[in-house]
Amino acid sequence: MRRLPDADPGTPDGRSPVRYLRWLIRRDRFAVYTAIVMAVLWMLCQAAVPAVVGKAIDAATDHDRHDLLIWSLALLGAGLGQAFFGVVRHRFAVINFLGAMFRTVQVTVRQAGRLGSALPRRLDTGEVVAIGTSDIRQIGSAVDITARGTGSLIAVVAVTVILLTTLVPLGLVVVLGVPLLMAIVGLLIRPLHRLQQASRDQQGLLTGRAADLVGGLRVLRGIGGEAVMGERYRAESQRLRAAGVRTARVESLLEAAQVLLPGIFLVLVTWLGARFALTGHITVGQLVSFYAYAAFLVTPLRQLTEAIDKLTRGHVSARRVVSMLAAETDLPDPAGPLPASLLAGDLADPESGVTVRPGEVTAIVAAVPADAAAIADRLGRYAEGATVGGHALSSFELAAVRERILVGDNDARLFTGPLRSDLDPAGDDRLPAALHAAAATDIVEALPGGLDSEVAERGRSFSGGQQQRLRLVRALVADPDTLVLVEPTSAVDAHTEARIADRLAVARAGRTTVICTSSPLVLDRTDRVLYVEGGRVVATGTHRGLLESEPGYARTVLREDAA
């Protein structure tokens, strides 16, 4: 498979859709400009054929064998040139189409990674999915059509010059008719642009609704909300259908104009040419040439209207990409980040009073589980407020924080593909030890292909407990300096939970580990436990010590009622 010219997507100009499309062209300027040159030569070879045929007919009429041979060879050359330039043009057109598509995929995926946890708060799921499914094709088509559009424009100019130098009235028909055709098409472009934008927005909303339905189907079944959500989806799909029909009406008018208007040119030029031939102003060969030119003009004129249509669609899609590229994270990098070497020392959350000492396994138990999850977010810098070694986490580059501190929670998903690449994308040798520590070896052994087995979408082929253990494996394989785990054993049985608790302490020996849990089996294997009530740490100690000294902690851990 051919690799893109540059795997690094660079930095796109996200200020406007037009500038984004220009950026795409600049990134692959060689392929784009080559396609344009080939398209121009391809169209010029086609434009030369009618003139050569006319000259050959005149030579045959005059019984001039020498000129007939010369023009026949010229016709052969034009045909060979048309074939060669057409093949090369098409090859580079495909390269430009795919290059623009996957370049857009690269920059949007990189932007999604840059936004990170802020992505769901900045963009709807449907918008992101629609960019990767439909918008990239429209953008690819817009870049691709630049070559054929330029070649068609040059061909129209060349034919106009030939007709003007041969017979002024016929040349004037083209000179005056082409701008008129473009003006008529322009009247359809503005409403088409508006309708395409509305249809694209509705498509994004419907895609987001579908993602919500698929993701929450089990919950909907549990509360009996399938019918209600299904009715909402049906109503929105009907609105999308109506928007698509309105768009199609204008598109049908544009398609009709692409056939009707060039056809009028064909009739008009042929009629004028026949009249001039009857009066003796032009020869029989020139009449054939004019008819051939009239027929030839149908192709470039139609391609010009197609170029306007595809550029309009590309503009609409590029606007969605630009809006995504313009989105900013609520966790920006500082203007002058501190060096990553200072990411050492106690990890603290001043808001709650939590302090995590390096090299220890620290547990956080919260009377309200949401408080523990909020603390984990701040410790991993998914929310602002935490410090490390006395320095605010926000004073470091986010990438450096992500490299040193990993937060593993139950919202993480398993991805479709081989299980091995899902758990160990870097291909390190820590996977066997991580499987043992997470008590997940039996899961792999039960699979027909072992680690090479395919993971179903979102890991739905695994039970909740199996998914939880596999997520823990992935976190252990990453082996960060600081690992923050949120309820890592809430979905497993007590026997498996005890094994995980014992092995986790061994696997993370000497490294900083934070576990947000209320499981006695896990808490009993930790070095220190912090009990949080009302969002603040109210007690610190060992698990057994807090059971005796802190009634609130005992109630939370032993699941006892306040009474």
Protein backbone atom coordinates (compact mmCIF):
# COMPACT_ATOMS: atom_id res chain seq x y z
CA MET A 1 0.00 0.00 0.00
CA ARG A 2 1.34 3.42 -0.92
CA ARG A 3 2.18 5.58 2.05
CA LEU A 4 1.08 9.18 2.15
CA PRO A 5 3.80 11.65 1.15
CA ASP A 6 4.15 12.86 4.72
CA ALA A 7 2.92 10.90 7.72
CA ASP A 8 3.12 13.99 9.89
CA PRO A 9 -0.06 15.99 9.20
CA GLY A 10 1.58 19.23 10.24
CA THR A 11 -0.39 22.19 11.55
CA PRO A 12 -3.47 23.07 9.49
CA ASP A 13 -4.81 26.58 9.14
CA GLY A 14 -8.07 26.25 11.03
CA ARG A 15 -9.31 29.80 10.63
CA SER A 16 -11.63 29.18 7.66
CA PRO A 17 -12.79 26.30 5.43
CA VAL A 18 -11.13 27.87 2.37
CA ARG A 19 -7.79 28.15 4.15
CA TYR A 20 -8.08 24.58 5.35
CA LEU A 21 -8.62 23.34 1.78
CA ARG A 22 -5.65 25.45 0.66
CA TRP A 23 -3.57 23.89 3.42
CA LEU A 24 -4.47 20.41 2.17
CA ILE A 25 -3.36 21.38 -1.32
CA ARG A 26 -0.08 22.84 -0.05
CA ARG A 27 0.68 19.70 1.94
CA ASP A 28 0.62 17.57 -1.26
CA ARG A 29 1.41 20.31 -3.75
CA PHE A 30 3.46 18.05 -6.03
CA ALA A 31 0.62 15.56 -6.56
CA VAL A 32 -2.00 18.31 -6.86
CA TYR A 33 -0.04 20.44 -9.33
CA THR A 34 0.97 17.38 -11.36
CA ALA A 35 -2.68 16.36 -11.59
CA ILE A 36 -3.58 19.88 -12.75
CA VAL A 37 -0.88 19.88 -15.45
CA MET A 38 -1.92 16.43 -16.64
CA ALA A 39 -5.60 17.47 -16.67
CA VAL A 40 -4.79 20.59 -18.73
CA LEU A 41 -2.77 18.57 -21.28
CA TRP A 42 -5.48 15.88 -21.33
CA MET A 43 -8.20 18.42 -22.11
CA LEU A 44 -6.06 20.26 -24.67
CA CYS A 45 -5.47 16.98 -26.53
CA GLN A 46 -9.22 16.48 -26.61
CA ALA A 47 -9.73 20.07 -27.75
CA ALA A 48 -7.26 19.56 -30.61
CA VAL A 49 -9.11 16.56 -32.06
CA PRO A 50 -12.00 18.50 -33.71
CA ALA A 51 -9.61 20.91 -35.43
CA VAL A 52 -7.40 18.06 -36.68
CA VAL A 53 -10.44 16.13 -37.95
CA GLY A 54 -11.66 19.22 -39.81
CA LYS A 55 -8.27 19.70 -41.45
CA ALA A 56 -8.17 16.03 -42.45
CA ILE A 57 -11.63 16.28 -44.03
CA ASP A 58 -10.60 19.35 -46.00
CA ALA A 59 -7.47 17.54 -47.18
CA ALA A 60 -9.55 14.57 -48.28
CA THR A 61 -11.98 16.87 -50.08
CA ASP A 62 -9.06 18.50 -51.94
CA HIS A 63 -7.52 15.04 -52.66
CA ASP A 64 -4.29 16.16 -50.97
CA ARG A 65 -2.76 12.87 -49.80
CA HIS A 66 0.28 14.52 -48.20
CA ASP A 67 -1.81 16.78 -45.92
CA LEU A 68 -4.21 13.91 -45.24
CA LEU A 69 -1.30 11.77 -44.00
CA ILE A 70 0.06 14.59 -41.84
CA TRP A 71 -3.30 15.33 -40.21
CA SER A 72 -3.98 11.62 -39.71
CA LEU A 73 -0.68 11.29 -37.87
CA ALA A 74 -1.54 14.42 -35.87
CA LEU A 75 -4.86 12.82 -34.92
CA LEU A 76 -3.02 9.67 -33.81
CA GLY A 77 -0.67 11.79 -31.69
CA ALA A 78 -3.59 13.63 -30.09
CA GLY A 79 -5.24 10.31 -29.28
CA LEU A 80 -2.08 8.85 -27.76
CA GLY A 81 -1.48 12.02 -25.76
CA GLN A 82 -5.06 11.98 -24.54
CA ALA A 83 -4.67 8.36 -23.39
CA PHE A 84 -1.31 8.94 -21.65
CA PHE A 85 -2.23 12.20 -19.92
CA GLY A 86 -5.63 10.79 -18.94
CA VAL A 87 -4.08 7.76 -17.22
CA VAL A 88 -1.50 9.85 -15.33
CA ARG A 89 -4.13 12.44 -14.38
CA HIS A 90 -6.44 9.79 -13.00
CA ARG A 91 -3.62 8.21 -10.97
CA PHE A 92 -2.74 11.50 -9.31
CA ALA A 93 -6.41 12.32 -8.87
CA VAL A 94 -6.82 9.16 -6.77
CA ILE A 95 -3.71 10.08 -4.78
CA ASN A 96 -5.11 13.56 -4.12
CA PHE A 97 -8.52 12.20 -3.16
CA LEU A 98 -7.15 9.66 -0.69
CA GLY A 99 -4.46 12.05 0.55
CA ALA A 100 -6.98 14.76 1.44
CA MET A 101 -9.24 12.20 3.11
CA PHE A 102 -6.62 10.61 5.30
CA ARG A 103 -4.83 13.89 5.98
CA THR A 104 -8.12 15.09 7.43
CA VAL A 105 -8.38 11.90 9.46
CA GLN A 106 -4.87 12.51 10.80
CA VAL A 107 -5.47 16.09 11.91
CA THR A 108 -8.87 15.32 13.44
CA VAL A 109 -7.55 12.30 15.34
CA ARG A 110 -4.61 14.36 16.56
CA GLN A 111 -7.01 17.11 17.64
CA ALA A 112 -9.16 14.52 19.44
CA GLY A 113 -6.05 13.34 21.27
CA ARG A 114 -5.11 16.92 22.11
CA LEU A 115 -8.58 17.64 23.50
CA GLY A 116 -8.55 14.36 25.42
CA SER A 117 -11.14 14.33 28.17
CA ALA A 118 -12.45 17.71 26.97
CA LEU A 119 -13.62 16.25 23.64
CA PRO A 120 -17.08 15.11 24.86
CA ARG A 121 -17.61 18.53 26.43
CA ARG A 122 -16.65 20.39 23.25
CA LEU A 123 -18.18 18.24 20.47
CA ASP A 124 -21.07 15.83 20.12
CA THR A 125 -20.25 12.23 19.33
CA GLY A 126 -22.30 12.49 16.16
CA GLU A 127 -20.21 15.40 14.88
CA VAL A 128 -16.97 13.47 15.29
CA VAL A 129 -18.41 10.33 13.68
CA ALA A 130 -19.87 12.30 10.75
CA ILE A 131 -16.48 13.91 10.07
CA GLY A 132 -14.87 10.48 9.81
CA THR A 133 -17.61 8.92 7.68
CA SER A 134 -19.00 11.52 5.26
CA ASP A 135 -17.06 14.79 5.53
CA ILE A 136 -13.70 13.29 4.61
CA ARG A 137 -15.11 12.05 1.29
CA GLN A 138 -16.50 15.47 0.43
CA ILE A 139 -13.18 17.11 1.27
CA GLY A 140 -11.31 14.53 -0.81
CA SER A 141 -13.62 15.17 -3.76
CA ALA A 142 -13.11 18.93 -3.45
CA VAL A 143 -9.33 18.56 -3.68
CA ASP A 144 -9.63 16.02 -6.49
CA ILE A 145 -11.91 18.21 -8.66
CA THR A 146 -9.39 21.06 -8.73
CA ALA A 147 -7.43 19.29 -11.50
CA ARG A 148 -10.37 18.50 -13.77
CA GLY A 149 -11.94 21.89 -13.08
CA THR A 150 -8.75 23.72 -14.08
CA GLY A 151 -8.32 21.55 -17.18
CA SER A 152 -11.92 22.18 -18.22
CA LEU A 153 -11.53 25.94 -17.81
CA ILE A 154 -8.36 25.96 -19.94
CA ALA A 155 -10.11 23.83 -22.56
CA VAL A 156 -13.03 26.24 -22.79
CA VAL A 157 -10.63 29.16 -23.20
CA ALA A 158 -8.68 27.29 -25.91
CA VAL A 159 -11.85 26.43 -27.85
CA THR A 160 -13.04 30.02 -27.56
CA VAL A 161 -9.77 31.31 -29.03
CA ILE A 162 -9.94 28.79 -31.89
CA LEU A 163 -13.53 29.74 -32.73
CA LEU A 164 -12.82 33.47 -32.51
CA THR A 165 -9.86 33.20 -34.85
CA THR A 166 -11.88 31.08 -37.28
CA LEU A 167 -15.29 32.76 -37.13
CA VAL A 168 -16.05 35.62 -34.75
CA PRO A 169 -19.81 34.99 -34.31
CA LEU A 170 -19.23 31.41 -33.16
CA GLY A 171 -16.49 32.54 -30.78
CA LEU A 172 -18.82 35.18 -29.33
CA VAL A 173 -21.42 32.51 -28.63
CA VAL A 174 -18.92 30.78 -26.34
CA VAL A 175 -17.52 33.99 -24.85
CA LEU A 176 -20.98 35.23 -23.90
CA GLY A 177 -22.55 31.84 -23.18
CA VAL A 178 -20.05 30.45 -20.67
CA PRO A 179 -20.40 33.35 -18.19
CA LEU A 180 -24.18 33.11 -18.59
CA LEU A 181 -24.07 29.39 -17.78
CA MET A 182 -21.87 30.02 -14.72
CA ALA A 183 -24.25 32.74 -13.54
CA ILE A 184 -27.26 30.42 -13.80
CA VAL A 185 -25.40 27.72 -11.89
CA GLY A 186 -24.35 30.32 -9.30
CA LEU A 187 -28.03 31.03 -8.60
CA LEU A 188 -28.40 27.40 -7.49
CA ILE A 189 -25.20 27.22 -5.44
CA ARG A 190 -26.20 29.56 -2.61
CA PRO A 191 -29.45 27.74 -1.66
CA LEU A 192 -27.67 24.42 -2.18
CA HIS A 193 -24.92 25.51 0.19
CA ARG A 194 -27.45 26.47 2.86
CA LEU A 195 -29.49 23.26 2.49
CA GLN A 196 -26.38 21.06 2.57
CA GLN A 197 -25.29 22.77 5.78
CA ALA A 198 -28.67 22.14 7.41
CA SER A 199 -28.69 18.52 6.25
CA ARG A 200 -25.14 18.03 7.54
CA ASP A 201 -26.06 19.43 10.97
CA GLN A 202 -29.10 17.16 11.19
CA GLN A 203 -26.98 14.18 10.20
CA GLY A 204 -24.57 14.91 13.05
CA LEU A 205 -27.45 15.08 15.55
CA LEU A 206 -28.92 11.80 14.33
CA THR A 207 -25.54 10.05 14.44
CA GLY A 208 -25.08 11.22 18.03
CA ARG A 209 -28.55 9.95 18.91
CA ALA A 210 -27.72 6.55 17.39
CA ALA A 211 -24.49 6.35 19.40
CA ASP A 212 -26.38 7.16 22.60
CA LEU A 213 -28.97 4.48 21.86
CA VAL A 214 -26.37 1.80 21.18
CA GLY A 215 -24.27 2.74 24.21
CA GLY A 216 -27.23 2.87 26.63
CA LEU A 217 -29.37 0.03 25.26
CA ARG A 218 -29.05 -2.10 28.38
CA VAL A 219 -30.05 0.78 30.62
CA LEU A 220 -32.99 1.66 28.38
CA ARG A 221 -34.21 -1.93 28.52
CA GLY A 222 -33.92 -1.91 32.27
CA ILE A 223 -36.10 1.18 32.70
CA GLY A 224 -38.43 0.46 29.77
CA GLY A 225 -37.32 3.51 27.79
CA GLU A 226 -36.74 1.78 24.46
CA ALA A 227 -40.03 2.90 22.95
CA VAL A 228 -39.57 6.53 23.93
CA MET A 229 -36.02 6.77 22.62
CA GLY A 230 -36.97 4.82 19.50
CA GLU A 231 -39.75 7.30 18.78
CA ARG A 232 -37.33 10.21 19.21
CA TYR A 233 -34.88 8.59 16.82
CA ARG A 234 -37.67 7.99 14.30
CA ALA A 235 -38.78 11.64 14.48
CA GLU A 236 -35.23 12.91 14.02
CA SER A 237 -34.58 10.51 11.15
CA GLN A 238 -37.69 11.86 9.43
CA ARG A 239 -36.38 15.38 9.86
CA LEU A 240 -33.09 14.28 8.30
CA ARG A 241 -35.00 12.65 5.44
CA ALA A 242 -36.94 15.86 4.83
CA ALA A 243 -33.71 17.90 4.86
CA GLY A 244 -32.16 15.44 2.41
CA VAL A 245 -35.15 15.71 0.07
CA ARG A 246 -34.95 19.50 0.12
CA THR A 247 -31.26 19.31 -0.70
CA ALA A 248 -31.88 16.76 -3.44
CA ARG A 249 -34.38 19.07 -5.14
CA VAL A 250 -31.75 21.74 -5.65
CA GLU A 251 -29.15 19.12 -6.58
CA SER A 252 -31.53 17.74 -9.23
CA LEU A 253 -31.89 21.22 -10.71
CA LEU A 254 -28.11 21.52 -10.77
CA GLU A 255 -27.79 18.12 -12.47
CA ALA A 256 -30.41 19.13 -15.02
CA ALA A 257 -28.56 22.39 -15.69
CA GLN A 258 -25.38 20.40 -16.32
CA VAL A 259 -27.16 18.63 -19.20
CA LEU A 260 -29.54 21.30 -20.50
CA LEU A 261 -27.25 24.32 -20.73
CA PRO A 262 -24.35 22.60 -22.54
CA GLY A 263 -26.97 21.01 -24.80
CA ILE A 264 -28.21 24.47 -25.76
CA PHE A 265 -24.64 25.33 -26.74
CA LEU A 266 -24.50 22.25 -28.93
CA VAL A 267 -27.70 23.15 -30.77
CA LEU A 268 -26.82 26.83 -31.16
CA VAL A 269 -23.28 26.33 -32.43
CA THR A 270 -24.38 23.58 -34.82
CA TRP A 271 -27.18 25.75 -36.23
CA LEU A 272 -24.91 28.74 -36.71
CA GLY A 273 -22.19 26.59 -38.27
CA ALA A 274 -24.65 25.04 -40.74
CA ARG A 275 -25.88 28.46 -41.82
CA PHE A 276 -22.32 29.71 -42.39
CA ALA A 277 -21.48 26.54 -44.35
CA LEU A 278 -24.49 27.04 -46.62
CA THR A 279 -23.45 30.62 -47.36
CA GLY A 280 -19.86 29.53 -48.10
CA HIS A 281 -18.21 31.34 -45.17
CA ILE A 282 -16.69 28.09 -43.86
CA THR A 283 -15.62 24.80 -45.43
CA VAL A 284 -17.13 21.37 -44.85
CA GLY A 285 -14.20 20.45 -42.64
CA GLN A 286 -14.68 23.56 -40.54
CA LEU A 287 -18.38 22.75 -40.17
CA VAL A 288 -17.49 19.30 -38.86
CA SER A 289 -14.96 20.91 -36.51
CA PHE A 290 -17.52 23.38 -35.16
CA TYR A 291 -20.03 20.59 -34.58
CA ALA A 292 -17.34 18.53 -32.83
CA TYR A 293 -16.38 21.53 -30.71
CA ALA A 294 -20.01 22.05 -29.74
CA ALA A 295 -20.23 18.39 -28.71
CA PHE A 296 -16.85 18.59 -26.96
CA LEU A 297 -17.86 21.64 -24.92
CA VAL A 298 -20.51 19.58 -23.17
CA THR A 299 -17.79 17.74 -21.23
CA PRO A 300 -15.75 20.69 -19.87
CA LEU A 301 -18.85 22.74 -19.14
CA ARG A 302 -20.38 19.89 -17.20
CA GLN A 303 -17.14 19.38 -15.33
CA LEU A 304 -17.09 23.07 -14.42
CA THR A 305 -20.56 22.83 -12.88
CA GLU A 306 -19.49 19.59 -11.16
CA ALA A 307 -16.47 21.43 -9.78
CA ILE A 308 -18.70 24.15 -8.34
CA ASP A 309 -20.94 21.51 -6.75
CA LYS A 310 -18.09 19.51 -5.21
CA LEU A 311 -16.25 22.59 -4.00
CA THR A 312 -19.47 23.70 -2.31
CA ARG A 313 -19.86 20.35 -0.61
CA GLY A 314 -16.20 20.38 0.38
CA HIS A 315 -16.61 23.86 1.84
CA VAL A 316 -19.52 22.67 4.01
CA SER A 317 -17.56 19.65 5.24
CA ALA A 318 -14.37 21.65 5.78
CA ARG A 319 -16.36 24.03 7.98
CA ARG A 320 -17.14 21.13 10.33
CA VAL A 321 -13.50 20.09 10.41
CA VAL A 322 -12.42 23.67 11.09
CA SER A 323 -14.90 23.94 13.96
CA MET A 324 -13.35 20.83 15.50
CA LEU A 325 -9.81 22.12 14.99
CA ALA A 326 -10.81 25.43 16.59
CA ALA A 327 -12.10 23.71 19.74
CA GLU A 328 -9.89 24.35 22.74
CA THR A 329 -9.31 22.16 25.73
CA ASP A 330 -10.23 23.33 29.20
CA LEU A 331 -6.87 21.90 30.33
CA PRO A 332 -4.42 23.99 28.29
CA ASP A 333 -0.65 23.73 28.47
CA PRO A 334 1.02 26.60 30.34
CA ALA A 335 2.84 29.31 28.43
CA GLY A 336 6.10 28.44 30.20
CA PRO A 337 5.87 24.80 31.35
CA LEU A 338 8.12 23.46 34.07
CA PRO A 339 10.56 20.68 33.11
CA ALA A 340 9.20 17.16 33.45
CA SER A 341 12.03 16.29 35.85
CA LEU A 342 10.17 18.25 38.56
CA LEU A 343 7.23 15.84 38.34
CA ALA A 344 8.36 14.12 41.52
CA GLY A 345 7.51 14.20 45.20
CA ASP A 346 4.18 14.09 47.01
CA LEU A 347 1.09 14.15 44.79
CA ALA A 348 -1.52 16.22 46.61
CA ASP A 349 -5.06 17.51 46.19
CA PRO A 350 -5.36 20.61 48.40
CA GLU A 351 -9.12 20.80 47.88
CA SER A 352 -9.70 17.49 49.65
CA GLY A 353 -6.54 17.30 51.72
CA VAL A 354 -5.39 14.09 50.01
CA THR A 355 -1.62 13.58 49.95
CA VAL A 356 -0.06 10.61 48.16
CA ARG A 357 3.49 9.70 49.16
CA PRO A 358 5.83 8.29 46.50
CA GLY A 359 6.34 4.54 46.46
CA GLU A 360 3.28 3.71 48.58
CA VAL A 361 -0.02 2.03 47.80
CA THR A 362 -2.55 4.57 49.03
CA ALA A 363 -6.29 3.93 49.23
CA ILE A 364 -8.99 6.60 49.14
CA VAL A 365 -12.34 5.69 50.67
CA ALA A 366 -15.15 8.21 50.27
CA ALA A 367 -18.53 8.16 52.00
CA VAL A 368 -19.87 9.42 48.65
CA PRO A 369 -18.16 7.52 45.78
CA ALA A 370 -18.42 10.55 43.50
CA ASP A 371 -16.02 12.41 45.81
CA ALA A 372 -13.34 9.76 45.27
CA ALA A 373 -13.84 9.93 41.49
CA ALA A 374 -13.49 13.73 41.58
CA ILE A 375 -10.25 13.45 43.57
CA ALA A 376 -8.91 10.91 41.04
CA ASP A 377 -9.73 13.36 38.22
CA ARG A 378 -7.76 16.11 39.93
CA LEU A 379 -4.81 13.84 40.74
CA GLY A 380 -4.63 12.81 37.07
CA ARG A 381 -5.21 16.38 35.86
CA TYR A 382 -8.55 15.72 34.27
CA ALA A 383 -9.57 18.66 36.44
CA GLU A 384 -7.42 21.43 37.85
CA GLY A 385 -6.29 21.71 41.46
CA ALA A 386 -3.67 19.03 42.21
CA THR A 387 0.02 19.60 42.96
CA VAL A 388 3.14 17.46 42.74
CA GLY A 389 6.27 18.23 44.73
CA GLY A 390 4.71 21.59 45.65
CA HIS A 391 4.19 22.58 42.00
CA ALA A 392 0.75 22.81 40.43
CA LEU A 393 0.11 20.03 37.91
CA SER A 394 -1.21 22.71 35.57
CA SER A 395 2.30 24.18 35.37
CA PHE A 396 3.52 21.10 33.45
CA GLU A 397 2.79 20.10 29.87
CA LEU A 398 -0.27 17.88 29.75
CA ALA A 399 1.61 15.25 27.72
CA ALA A 400 4.26 14.99 30.46
CA VAL A 401 1.57 14.57 33.12
CA ARG A 402 -0.18 11.88 31.08
CA GLU A 403 3.13 10.04 30.65
CA ARG A 404 3.84 10.00 34.40
CA ILE A 405 0.32 9.70 35.85
CA LEU A 406 -2.28 7.26 34.55
CA VAL A 407 -5.90 7.19 35.71
CA GLY A 408 -7.67 3.87 35.10
CA ASP A 409 -11.43 3.86 35.61
CA ASN A 410 -14.38 1.79 34.50
CA ASP A 411 -15.30 4.20 31.70
CA ALA A 412 -12.29 3.03 29.68
CA ARG A 413 -13.25 0.87 26.70
CA LEU A 414 -11.81 -2.15 25.00
CA PHE A 415 -11.21 -1.63 21.30
CA THR A 416 -12.07 -3.85 18.37
CA GLY A 417 -9.12 -5.87 17.08
CA PRO A 418 -6.63 -8.47 18.36
CA LEU A 419 -6.64 -8.68 22.15
CA ARG A 420 -2.84 -8.51 22.26
CA SER A 421 -2.68 -5.12 20.52
CA ASP A 422 -5.52 -3.85 22.73
CA LEU A 423 -3.76 -4.74 25.97
CA ASP A 424 -0.17 -4.11 24.86
CA PRO A 425 -0.08 -1.73 21.87
CA ALA A 426 3.63 -1.03 22.36
CA GLY A 427 4.56 -4.72 22.28
CA ASP A 428 6.46 -4.68 25.58
CA ASP A 429 7.29 -7.82 27.54
CA ARG A 430 5.19 -6.82 30.60
CA LEU A 431 1.97 -8.43 29.38
CA PRO A 432 2.34 -11.89 31.02
CA ALA A 433 3.12 -10.34 34.41
CA ALA A 434 0.21 -7.90 34.06
CA LEU A 435 -2.20 -10.74 33.18
CA HIS A 436 -1.07 -12.61 36.30
CA ALA A 437 -1.37 -9.54 38.54
CA ALA A 438 -4.90 -8.80 37.30
CA ALA A 439 -5.92 -12.49 37.62
CA ALA A 440 -6.83 -12.40 33.93
CA THR A 441 -4.80 -15.36 32.67
CA ASP A 442 -7.89 -17.57 32.68
CA ILE A 443 -9.70 -15.12 30.37
CA VAL A 444 -7.00 -15.44 27.72
CA GLU A 445 -6.75 -19.21 28.11
CA ALA A 446 -10.50 -19.57 27.49
CA LEU A 447 -10.30 -17.75 24.15
CA PRO A 448 -9.91 -19.89 20.99
CA GLY A 449 -7.02 -17.82 19.68
CA GLY A 450 -5.60 -16.68 22.99
CA LEU A 451 -4.12 -13.20 22.80
CA ASP A 452 -4.63 -13.21 19.03
CA SER A 453 -8.41 -13.50 19.38
CA GLU A 454 -10.51 -10.64 18.04
CA VAL A 455 -12.19 -8.35 20.55
CA ALA A 456 -15.81 -7.55 19.70
CA GLU A 457 -17.00 -3.95 19.61
CA ARG A 458 -16.56 -2.35 23.05
CA GLY A 459 -15.56 -5.79 24.35
CA ARG A 460 -19.19 -6.94 24.54
CA SER A 461 -18.13 -10.59 24.27
CA PHE A 462 -16.61 -10.31 27.78
CA SER A 463 -18.57 -10.08 31.02
CA GLY A 464 -18.39 -6.97 33.19
CA GLY A 465 -15.86 -8.55 35.51
CA GLN A 466 -13.72 -9.78 32.62
CA GLN A 467 -13.71 -6.33 31.03
CA GLN A 468 -12.68 -4.80 34.35
CA ARG A 469 -9.74 -7.20 34.72
CA LEU A 470 -8.62 -6.60 31.12
CA ARG A 471 -8.70 -2.84 31.69
CA LEU A 472 -6.53 -3.36 34.76
CA VAL A 473 -4.11 -5.41 32.62
CA ARG A 474 -3.80 -2.56 30.17
CA ALA A 475 -3.09 -0.09 32.98
CA LEU A 476 -0.42 -2.36 34.49
CA VAL A 477 1.25 -2.88 31.11
CA ALA A 478 1.57 0.90 30.76
CA ASP A 479 3.56 0.82 34.04
CA PRO A 480 3.34 4.57 34.85
CA ASP A 481 5.22 6.24 37.68
CA THR A 482 1.88 6.93 39.36
CA LEU A 483 -1.18 4.75 38.80
CA VAL A 484 -4.61 5.92 39.96
CA LEU A 485 -7.27 3.19 39.90
CA VAL A 486 -10.97 3.89 40.42
CA GLU A 487 -12.93 0.87 41.74
CA PRO A 488 -10.73 -1.67 39.91
CA THR A 489 -12.44 -4.74 41.43
CA SER A 490 -16.08 -3.69 41.83
CA ALA A 491 -17.37 -6.23 39.27
CA VAL A 492 -15.39 -9.35 40.26
CA ASP A 493 -16.13 -12.04 42.81
CA ALA A 494 -14.53 -12.06 46.26
CA HIS A 495 -12.08 -14.87 45.48
CA THR A 496 -10.76 -13.11 42.36
CA GLU A 497 -10.72 -9.79 44.22
CA ALA A 498 -8.48 -11.24 46.93
CA ARG A 499 -6.03 -12.55 44.35
CA ILE A 500 -5.92 -9.19 42.57
CA ALA A 501 -5.35 -7.36 45.86
CA ASP A 502 -2.40 -9.60 46.78
CA ARG A 503 -0.79 -9.51 43.35
CA LEU A 504 -1.38 -5.80 42.72
CA ALA A 505 0.63 -4.83 45.78
CA VAL A 506 3.52 -6.98 44.53
CA ALA A 507 3.30 -5.77 40.93
CA ARG A 508 3.38 -2.11 42.01
CA ALA A 509 5.97 -2.50 44.74
CA GLY A 510 8.16 0.60 45.01
CA ARG A 511 5.93 2.71 42.75
CA THR A 512 3.15 5.11 43.59
CA THR A 513 -0.33 3.63 43.41
CA VAL A 514 -3.65 5.19 44.39
CA ILE A 515 -6.75 3.01 44.65
CA CYS A 516 -10.20 4.56 45.08
CA THR A 517 -12.20 1.71 46.57
CA SER A 518 -14.29 0.60 49.53
CA SER A 519 -13.42 -3.10 49.25
CA PRO A 520 -12.05 -4.49 52.55
CA LEU A 521 -10.04 -7.12 50.66
CA VAL A 522 -8.17 -4.44 48.73
CA LEU A 523 -7.93 -1.96 51.61
CA ASP A 524 -6.28 -4.54 53.84
CA ARG A 525 -3.36 -4.79 51.36
CA THR A 526 -2.62 -1.07 51.15
CA ASP A 527 0.04 0.92 52.98
CA ARG A 528 -2.23 3.80 53.97
CA VAL A 529 -5.94 4.62 53.80
CA LEU A 530 -7.48 8.11 53.54
CA TYR A 531 -11.13 8.43 54.54
CA VAL A 532 -13.06 11.26 52.86
CA GLU A 533 -16.32 12.73 54.11
CA GLY A 534 -17.95 15.80 52.64
CA GLY A 535 -15.16 16.08 50.11
CA ARG A 536 -12.42 16.36 52.76
CA VAL A 537 -10.04 13.87 54.38
CA VAL A 538 -11.25 13.29 57.94
CA ALA A 539 -9.12 10.31 58.93
CA THR A 540 -5.85 8.65 57.92
CA GLY A 541 -4.41 5.29 58.94
CA THR A 542 -4.39 1.62 58.15
CA HIS A 543 -7.51 -0.27 57.22
CA ARG A 544 -7.74 -2.17 60.50
CA GLY A 545 -6.94 0.89 62.56
CA LEU A 546 -9.67 2.99 60.89
CA LEU A 547 -12.21 0.21 61.37
CA GLU A 548 -11.70 0.54 65.12
CA SER A 549 -11.31 4.32 65.39
CA GLU A 550 -13.59 5.80 62.72
CA PRO A 551 -17.29 4.77 62.79
CA GLY A 552 -18.06 6.50 59.47
CA TYR A 553 -15.28 4.57 57.79
CA ALA A 554 -16.53 1.29 59.25
CA ARG A 555 -20.07 1.98 57.99
CA THR A 556 -18.80 2.82 54.50
CA VAL A 557 -16.51 -0.18 54.19
CA LEU A 558 -18.77 -2.75 55.86
CA ARG A 559 -21.89 -1.38 54.04
CA GLU A 560 -23.74 -0.83 57.31
CA ASP A 561 -26.72 1.50 57.74
CA ALA A 562 -26.19 4.65 59.77
CA ALA A 563 -28.70 3.36 62.33
